[in-house]
N, C-alpha and C. Protein backbone atom coordinates (compact mmCIF):
# COMPACT_ATOMS: atom_id res chain seq x y z
N MET A 1 -13.75 1.01 18.32
CA MET A 1 -13.82 1.01 16.94
C MET A 1 -13.59 2.60 16.57
N PRO A 2 -12.75 3.26 15.82
CA PRO A 2 -12.90 4.76 15.59
C PRO A 2 -14.31 4.96 15.26
N LYS A 3 -14.51 6.39 15.06
CA LYS A 3 -15.80 7.45 14.74
C LYS A 3 -15.86 6.76 13.02
N LYS A 4 -14.53 6.60 12.20
CA LYS A 4 -14.96 5.89 10.92
C LYS A 4 -13.97 5.20 10.56
N GLY A 5 -13.65 4.19 9.91
CA GLY A 5 -12.96 3.34 9.59
C GLY A 5 -12.80 3.26 7.71
N ILE A 6 -11.95 3.34 7.31
CA ILE A 6 -11.77 3.40 5.63
C ILE A 6 -10.61 2.01 5.56
N SER A 7 -10.70 1.13 4.56
CA SER A 7 -9.61 0.15 4.24
C SER A 7 -9.30 -0.13 3.08
N LEU A 8 -8.20 -0.30 2.84
CA LEU A 8 -7.82 -0.82 1.09
C LEU A 8 -6.98 -1.58 1.45
N HIS A 9 -7.54 -2.83 0.51
CA HIS A 9 -6.71 -4.13 0.32
C HIS A 9 -6.03 -4.33 -0.99
N ILE A 10 -5.02 -4.67 -1.08
CA ILE A 10 -4.11 -4.74 -2.39
C ILE A 10 -3.64 -6.18 -2.16
N GLY A 11 -3.81 -6.71 -3.47
CA GLY A 11 -3.39 -7.92 -3.60
C GLY A 11 -2.89 -8.28 -5.07
N LEU A 12 -1.52 -8.86 -5.43
CA LEU A 12 -1.29 -8.99 -6.75
C LEU A 12 -0.43 -10.30 -6.92
N ASN A 13 -1.45 -11.14 -8.06
CA ASN A 13 -0.87 -12.46 -8.25
C ASN A 13 0.37 -12.24 -9.27
N GLY A 14 0.33 -11.13 -9.85
CA GLY A 14 1.55 -11.26 -11.07
C GLY A 14 1.40 -9.67 -11.30
N VAL A 15 2.37 -9.18 -12.14
CA VAL A 15 2.60 -7.91 -12.80
C VAL A 15 2.33 -7.85 -14.14
N ASP A 16 2.44 -6.91 -15.10
CA ASP A 16 2.46 -6.47 -16.24
C ASP A 16 4.03 -6.47 -16.73
N PRO A 17 3.97 -7.90 -17.27
CA PRO A 17 5.62 -8.25 -17.88
C PRO A 17 6.16 -7.12 -18.80
N SER A 18 5.10 -6.32 -19.38
CA SER A 18 5.49 -5.30 -20.39
C SER A 18 6.31 -3.78 -19.77
N HIS A 19 6.02 -3.99 -18.18
CA HIS A 19 6.43 -2.96 -17.30
C HIS A 19 8.12 -3.26 -16.61
N TYR A 20 7.87 -4.59 -16.91
CA TYR A 20 9.03 -5.42 -15.95
C TYR A 20 10.04 -6.08 -16.53
N GLY A 21 9.96 -5.34 -17.91
CA GLY A 21 11.22 -6.57 -18.53
C GLY A 21 11.29 -7.82 -18.70
N GLY A 22 9.72 -8.11 -19.14
CA GLY A 22 9.23 -9.62 -19.58
C GLY A 22 8.93 -10.69 -18.05
N TRP A 23 9.83 -9.87 -16.73
CA TRP A 23 9.34 -10.99 -15.61
C TRP A 23 7.38 -10.25 -15.10
N ASP A 24 7.16 -11.78 -15.23
CA ASP A 24 5.41 -11.56 -14.70
C ASP A 24 5.27 -11.68 -13.34
N GLY A 25 5.98 -11.82 -12.26
CA GLY A 25 5.72 -11.56 -10.93
C GLY A 25 5.12 -12.61 -10.33
N GLN A 26 4.48 -14.07 -11.03
CA GLN A 26 3.69 -14.87 -10.71
C GLN A 26 3.95 -15.00 -9.03
N LEU A 27 2.69 -14.55 -8.08
CA LEU A 27 2.52 -15.36 -6.88
C LEU A 27 1.65 -16.25 -6.83
N ALA A 28 0.98 -16.93 -5.60
CA ALA A 28 -0.10 -17.74 -5.79
C ALA A 28 -1.52 -17.33 -5.03
N ALA A 29 -1.18 -16.58 -3.94
CA ALA A 29 -2.46 -16.29 -2.74
C ALA A 29 -2.28 -14.94 -2.34
N CYS A 30 -1.72 -14.14 -2.94
CA CYS A 30 -2.00 -12.69 -2.91
C CYS A 30 -3.43 -12.11 -2.67
N GLU A 31 -4.15 -12.55 -4.19
CA GLU A 31 -5.33 -11.91 -4.28
C GLU A 31 -6.04 -12.54 -3.10
N ALA A 32 -6.00 -13.99 -2.83
CA ALA A 32 -6.49 -14.34 -1.37
C ALA A 32 -6.50 -13.84 -0.21
N ASP A 33 -5.16 -13.36 0.30
CA ASP A 33 -4.83 -12.57 1.21
C ASP A 33 -5.70 -11.17 1.07
N ALA A 34 -5.88 -10.39 0.11
CA ALA A 34 -6.48 -9.01 0.01
C ALA A 34 -7.97 -9.43 0.49
N LYS A 35 -8.50 -10.46 -0.04
CA LYS A 35 -9.73 -10.91 0.00
C LYS A 35 -10.06 -11.42 1.55
N ASP A 36 -9.20 -11.83 2.32
CA ASP A 36 -9.19 -12.21 3.60
C ASP A 36 -9.28 -10.98 4.28
N MET A 37 -8.27 -9.88 4.15
CA MET A 37 -8.00 -8.70 4.89
C MET A 37 -9.50 -8.02 4.80
N LYS A 38 -9.93 -7.77 3.37
CA LYS A 38 -11.25 -7.29 3.49
C LYS A 38 -12.20 -7.81 4.21
N ALA A 39 -12.14 -9.24 4.29
CA ALA A 39 -13.54 -9.68 5.28
C ALA A 39 -13.24 -9.42 6.57
N LEU A 40 -12.17 -9.36 6.84
CA LEU A 40 -11.68 -9.25 8.30
C LEU A 40 -12.12 -7.62 8.51
N ALA A 41 -11.88 -6.68 7.61
CA ALA A 41 -12.18 -5.30 7.82
C ALA A 41 -13.80 -4.89 7.62
N THR A 42 -14.37 -5.43 6.90
CA THR A 42 -15.75 -5.72 7.08
C THR A 42 -16.24 -5.87 8.44
N SER A 43 -15.80 -7.08 8.61
CA SER A 43 -16.68 -7.40 9.88
C SER A 43 -16.00 -6.35 11.04
N GLN A 44 -15.21 -5.76 10.85
CA GLN A 44 -14.86 -4.73 12.15
C GLN A 44 -15.65 -3.30 11.80
N GLY A 45 -16.49 -3.46 10.69
CA GLY A 45 -17.17 -2.41 10.62
C GLY A 45 -16.45 -1.24 9.60
N PHE A 46 -15.25 -1.41 9.06
CA PHE A 46 -14.78 -0.37 7.97
C PHE A 46 -15.60 -0.35 6.59
N THR A 47 -15.27 0.21 5.99
CA THR A 47 -15.80 0.85 4.67
C THR A 47 -14.73 0.33 3.62
N PRO A 48 -14.71 -0.99 3.19
CA PRO A 48 -13.56 -1.09 2.49
C PRO A 48 -13.72 -1.31 0.83
N GLN A 49 -12.08 -1.23 0.57
CA GLN A 49 -12.04 -1.18 -1.10
C GLN A 49 -11.13 -2.33 -1.28
N ILE A 50 -11.12 -3.01 -2.36
CA ILE A 50 -9.93 -3.83 -2.99
C ILE A 50 -9.61 -3.43 -4.39
N LEU A 51 -8.30 -3.90 -4.57
CA LEU A 51 -7.45 -4.02 -5.81
C LEU A 51 -6.97 -4.98 -5.88
N LEU A 52 -7.22 -5.69 -7.05
CA LEU A 52 -6.61 -6.97 -7.39
C LEU A 52 -6.00 -7.19 -8.65
N THR A 53 -4.80 -7.59 -8.50
CA THR A 53 -3.55 -8.00 -9.45
C THR A 53 -3.71 -6.60 -10.76
N LYS A 54 -4.40 -6.51 -11.83
CA LYS A 54 -4.47 -5.55 -12.60
C LYS A 54 -4.83 -4.55 -12.17
N GLN A 55 -6.08 -4.36 -11.31
CA GLN A 55 -6.71 -3.18 -10.76
C GLN A 55 -5.77 -2.51 -9.88
N ALA A 56 -4.53 -2.95 -9.60
CA ALA A 56 -3.58 -2.41 -8.30
C ALA A 56 -2.65 -2.10 -9.37
N ALA A 57 -2.85 -1.04 -10.37
CA ALA A 57 -2.12 -0.02 -11.05
C ALA A 57 -1.57 1.13 -10.28
N ALA A 58 -0.65 2.01 -10.32
CA ALA A 58 -0.13 2.80 -9.20
C ALA A 58 -0.92 3.80 -9.47
N ALA A 59 -1.71 3.99 -10.22
CA ALA A 59 -2.94 5.15 -10.31
C ALA A 59 -3.97 5.29 -9.44
N ALA A 60 -4.22 3.69 -9.61
CA ALA A 60 -5.49 3.36 -8.63
C ALA A 60 -4.83 3.43 -7.20
N VAL A 61 -3.98 2.61 -6.88
CA VAL A 61 -3.53 2.86 -5.40
C VAL A 61 -3.65 4.51 -5.05
N ILE A 62 -2.93 5.06 -5.76
CA ILE A 62 -2.69 6.37 -5.26
C ILE A 62 -3.96 7.02 -4.87
N ALA A 63 -4.80 6.85 -5.84
CA ALA A 63 -6.17 7.55 -6.03
C ALA A 63 -6.99 6.97 -4.84
N ALA A 64 -6.97 5.74 -4.64
CA ALA A 64 -7.50 5.10 -3.48
C ALA A 64 -7.29 5.77 -1.83
N ILE A 65 -5.71 5.80 -2.04
CA ILE A 65 -5.45 6.27 -0.84
C ILE A 65 -5.77 7.89 -0.33
N GLN A 66 -5.95 8.68 -1.44
CA GLN A 66 -5.97 10.14 -1.82
C GLN A 66 -7.43 10.02 -1.52
N GLN A 67 -8.40 9.35 -1.91
CA GLN A 67 -9.56 9.39 -1.51
C GLN A 67 -10.04 9.19 0.26
N ALA A 68 -9.39 8.34 0.51
CA ALA A 68 -9.44 8.17 2.10
C ALA A 68 -8.99 9.20 2.71
N ALA A 69 -7.75 9.69 2.44
CA ALA A 69 -7.31 10.35 3.14
C ALA A 69 -8.41 12.07 3.21
N ALA A 70 -9.00 11.98 2.11
CA ALA A 70 -10.07 13.19 2.14
C ALA A 70 -11.38 12.84 2.84
N LYS A 71 -11.47 11.60 3.06
CA LYS A 71 -12.56 11.37 3.91
C LYS A 71 -12.53 11.33 5.43
N LEU A 72 -11.33 11.06 5.87
CA LEU A 72 -11.17 10.67 6.91
C LEU A 72 -11.02 12.14 8.17
N LYS A 73 -11.33 12.17 9.23
CA LYS A 73 -10.99 13.13 10.08
C LYS A 73 -10.28 12.61 11.33
N ARG A 74 -9.69 13.67 12.09
CA ARG A 74 -9.20 13.26 13.67
C ARG A 74 -9.92 12.07 14.12
N GLY A 75 -9.37 11.12 14.66
CA GLY A 75 -10.12 10.11 15.54
C GLY A 75 -10.52 8.92 14.41
N ASP A 76 -10.64 9.02 13.45
CA ASP A 76 -10.72 7.93 12.20
C ASP A 76 -9.49 7.21 12.11
N LEU A 77 -9.85 6.33 11.31
CA LEU A 77 -8.82 5.17 10.86
C LEU A 77 -8.50 4.58 9.74
N PHE A 78 -7.37 4.44 8.96
CA PHE A 78 -7.41 4.28 7.34
C PHE A 78 -6.26 2.85 7.85
N PHE A 79 -6.89 1.82 7.47
CA PHE A 79 -6.18 0.69 7.48
C PHE A 79 -5.88 0.04 5.77
N LEU A 80 -4.69 -0.21 5.90
CA LEU A 80 -4.11 -0.62 4.52
C LEU A 80 -3.48 -2.06 4.49
N SER A 81 -3.47 -3.11 3.80
CA SER A 81 -3.20 -4.01 3.61
C SER A 81 -2.48 -4.34 2.29
N TYR A 82 -1.30 -4.82 2.45
CA TYR A 82 -0.44 -5.20 0.88
C TYR A 82 -0.05 -6.76 0.85
N SER A 83 -0.26 -7.27 -0.36
CA SER A 83 0.40 -8.45 -0.17
C SER A 83 0.69 -8.84 -1.83
N GLY A 84 1.99 -9.09 -1.86
CA GLY A 84 2.76 -8.82 -3.17
C GLY A 84 4.42 -8.88 -3.06
N HIS A 85 4.95 -8.52 -4.15
CA HIS A 85 6.44 -8.34 -4.05
C HIS A 85 6.54 -7.10 -3.82
N GLY A 86 7.97 -6.95 -3.10
CA GLY A 86 8.56 -5.76 -2.52
C GLY A 86 9.72 -5.86 -3.18
N GLY A 87 10.45 -4.73 -3.14
CA GLY A 87 11.61 -4.40 -3.74
C GLY A 87 12.26 -3.18 -3.23
N GLN A 88 13.34 -3.03 -4.03
CA GLN A 88 14.28 -1.75 -3.67
C GLN A 88 14.74 -1.26 -4.79
N VAL A 89 15.15 -0.18 -4.89
CA VAL A 89 15.32 0.79 -5.95
C VAL A 89 16.57 1.90 -5.39
N PRO A 90 17.35 2.08 -5.89
CA PRO A 90 18.23 3.16 -5.56
C PRO A 90 17.61 4.66 -5.08
N ASP A 91 18.02 5.15 -3.98
CA ASP A 91 17.83 6.19 -3.25
C ASP A 91 18.17 7.41 -4.05
N THR A 92 17.17 7.98 -4.70
CA THR A 92 17.83 9.33 -5.36
C THR A 92 17.94 10.85 -4.66
N ASN A 93 16.98 10.77 -3.64
CA ASN A 93 17.20 11.97 -2.53
C ASN A 93 18.07 11.85 -1.55
N HIS A 94 18.94 10.81 -1.50
CA HIS A 94 20.09 10.17 -0.42
C HIS A 94 19.61 10.83 1.12
N GLU A 95 18.41 10.20 1.49
CA GLU A 95 18.04 10.43 2.99
C GLU A 95 17.99 8.87 3.66
N GLU A 96 18.31 7.90 2.30
CA GLU A 96 18.04 6.53 3.01
C GLU A 96 19.72 6.03 3.42
N ALA A 97 20.07 5.38 4.51
CA ALA A 97 21.21 5.08 5.28
C ALA A 97 22.12 4.15 4.21
N ASP A 98 21.22 3.30 4.02
CA ASP A 98 21.51 2.15 3.02
C ASP A 98 21.53 2.48 1.39
N ARG A 99 21.08 4.11 1.05
CA ARG A 99 21.24 4.16 -0.17
C ARG A 99 20.15 3.20 -1.20
N MET A 100 19.18 2.85 -0.79
CA MET A 100 18.37 2.21 -0.99
C MET A 100 16.95 2.68 -0.61
N ASP A 101 15.66 2.95 -1.68
CA ASP A 101 14.50 3.29 -1.25
C ASP A 101 13.70 1.62 -1.54
N GLU A 102 12.47 1.66 -0.44
CA GLU A 102 11.96 0.42 -0.77
C GLU A 102 10.60 0.56 -1.44
N THR A 103 10.22 -0.57 -2.21
CA THR A 103 9.01 -0.30 -2.98
C THR A 103 8.22 -1.50 -2.81
N TRP A 104 6.68 -1.00 -3.29
CA TRP A 104 5.86 -2.32 -3.43
C TRP A 104 5.63 -2.42 -4.31
N VAL A 105 5.92 -3.64 -5.17
CA VAL A 105 5.60 -3.65 -6.53
C VAL A 105 3.99 -3.96 -7.22
N LEU A 106 3.74 -3.07 -7.78
CA LEU A 106 2.26 -2.81 -8.01
C LEU A 106 2.16 -3.32 -9.79
N TYR A 107 0.96 -3.27 -10.01
CA TYR A 107 0.96 -3.99 -11.75
C TYR A 107 1.77 -3.24 -12.61
N ASP A 108 1.59 -2.05 -12.77
CA ASP A 108 2.26 -1.74 -13.83
C ASP A 108 3.54 -0.66 -13.24
N ARG A 109 4.31 -0.44 -11.82
CA ARG A 109 5.40 0.24 -11.63
C ARG A 109 5.55 -0.19 -10.23
N GLU A 110 6.62 0.09 -9.96
CA GLU A 110 6.75 0.23 -8.45
C GLU A 110 6.57 1.19 -7.77
N LEU A 111 5.87 1.49 -6.57
CA LEU A 111 5.27 2.63 -5.71
C LEU A 111 6.82 2.66 -4.73
N VAL A 112 7.27 3.71 -4.74
CA VAL A 112 8.64 3.85 -3.92
C VAL A 112 8.15 4.34 -2.17
N ASP A 113 8.74 4.16 -1.48
CA ASP A 113 8.35 4.82 0.00
C ASP A 113 8.59 6.05 0.28
N ASP A 114 8.99 6.82 -0.53
CA ASP A 114 9.17 8.12 -0.74
C ASP A 114 7.27 8.65 -0.97
N GLU A 115 6.96 7.91 -2.07
CA GLU A 115 5.63 8.75 -2.21
C GLU A 115 4.41 7.77 -1.60
N LEU A 116 4.77 6.84 -0.88
CA LEU A 116 3.77 6.28 0.41
C LEU A 116 3.85 7.86 1.21
N TRP A 117 5.11 7.93 1.75
CA TRP A 117 5.02 8.90 2.79
C TRP A 117 4.76 10.14 2.38
N ALA A 118 4.49 10.87 1.01
CA ALA A 118 3.81 11.89 0.77
C ALA A 118 2.55 11.64 0.92
N LEU A 119 1.94 10.45 0.45
CA LEU A 119 0.54 10.36 0.83
C LEU A 119 -0.19 10.21 2.08
N TRP A 120 0.94 9.45 2.95
CA TRP A 120 0.24 9.53 4.52
C TRP A 120 0.18 11.33 4.95
N SER A 121 0.99 12.11 4.30
CA SER A 121 0.56 13.70 4.90
C SER A 121 -0.38 14.30 4.26
N LYS A 122 -1.33 13.51 3.54
CA LYS A 122 -2.42 14.13 3.00
C LYS A 122 -3.60 13.96 3.97
N PHE A 123 -3.54 12.94 5.08
CA PHE A 123 -4.28 13.00 6.03
C PHE A 123 -4.37 13.90 7.15
N ALA A 124 -5.45 14.34 7.68
CA ALA A 124 -5.70 14.83 8.76
C ALA A 124 -5.18 14.62 9.87
N ALA A 125 -4.60 15.47 10.59
CA ALA A 125 -4.01 15.11 11.72
C ALA A 125 -4.65 14.58 12.57
N GLY A 126 -4.29 13.34 13.33
CA GLY A 126 -5.05 12.70 14.14
C GLY A 126 -5.83 11.21 13.73
N VAL A 127 -5.83 11.29 12.35
CA VAL A 127 -5.82 10.13 11.83
C VAL A 127 -4.88 9.09 11.69
N ARG A 128 -5.51 7.97 12.42
CA ARG A 128 -4.61 7.00 12.59
C ARG A 128 -4.74 5.81 11.34
N ILE A 129 -3.39 5.67 10.99
CA ILE A 129 -3.13 4.96 9.78
C ILE A 129 -2.43 3.43 10.16
N LEU A 130 -2.90 2.39 9.80
CA LEU A 130 -2.36 1.16 10.10
C LEU A 130 -2.16 0.18 8.74
N VAL A 131 -0.72 0.01 8.52
CA VAL A 131 -0.39 -0.79 7.32
C VAL A 131 0.19 -1.77 7.70
N LEU A 132 -0.22 -3.02 6.72
CA LEU A 132 -0.10 -4.53 7.04
C LEU A 132 0.51 -4.72 5.79
N SER A 133 1.71 -4.90 5.82
CA SER A 133 2.52 -5.33 4.52
C SER A 133 3.52 -6.89 4.39
N ASP A 134 2.80 -7.77 3.44
CA ASP A 134 3.50 -8.63 3.37
C ASP A 134 4.00 -8.85 1.87
N SER A 135 5.24 -8.26 1.95
CA SER A 135 5.81 -8.16 0.70
C SER A 135 7.42 -8.54 1.32
N CYS A 136 8.16 -9.17 0.56
CA CYS A 136 9.80 -9.44 0.97
C CYS A 136 10.64 -8.12 -0.08
N HIS A 137 11.59 -7.83 0.56
CA HIS A 137 12.73 -7.11 -0.11
C HIS A 137 12.50 -5.73 0.50
N SER A 138 10.87 -5.42 1.19
CA SER A 138 10.62 -3.92 1.37
C SER A 138 10.83 -3.41 2.25
N GLY A 139 11.33 -3.89 3.24
CA GLY A 139 11.98 -3.73 4.55
C GLY A 139 10.31 -2.69 5.33
N THR A 140 11.26 -1.47 5.51
CA THR A 140 9.96 -0.71 6.23
C THR A 140 9.60 0.50 5.31
N VAL A 141 8.90 -0.13 4.20
CA VAL A 141 8.27 0.39 3.28
C VAL A 141 7.49 1.89 3.53
N THR A 142 7.24 1.73 4.42
CA THR A 142 6.09 2.76 5.24
C THR A 142 7.05 3.80 5.88
N ARG A 143 8.45 3.70 5.92
CA ARG A 143 9.58 4.64 6.60
C ARG A 143 9.37 4.52 8.23
N ALA A 144 10.34 5.10 8.68
CA ALA A 144 10.20 5.53 10.18
C ALA A 144 9.27 6.67 10.42
N MET A 145 8.38 6.72 11.08
CA MET A 145 7.82 7.92 11.61
C MET A 145 9.00 9.27 12.32
N PRO A 146 8.96 10.57 11.99
CA PRO A 146 9.61 11.17 12.64
C PRO A 146 9.08 11.35 14.47
N VAL A 147 9.70 11.78 14.95
CA VAL A 147 10.03 11.66 16.49
C VAL A 147 10.11 13.03 16.88
């Protein structure tokens, strides 16, 4: 076990239709996935946080990741699990070979892989980050790490 472990578990059984052109994004078991991942993390000594459906708005997800980044130091571990829809949007900064950015479909908007990439940079050097993403169409939403 690392010196300190913080985990964040996100599960969306639907989205706000007013932000997605009337689409409600209904899914059946994503909240259950998040609860199961939280239980697993708790059993391993992590300090967990969970965001379910309406709680999983972009601002809340970003804030939770930033809070973890502020608390963790070299040798610590951040464990994030996501269960919900994934997606793709046009790549606006032209760094993707397929010209598409991958996303997580959050309650109020899609969170783009470029935004996640920027969030990972908030963590101190030596903090390990483990992301488990159960999301269709989101490819490598965490982006490939540079070598």
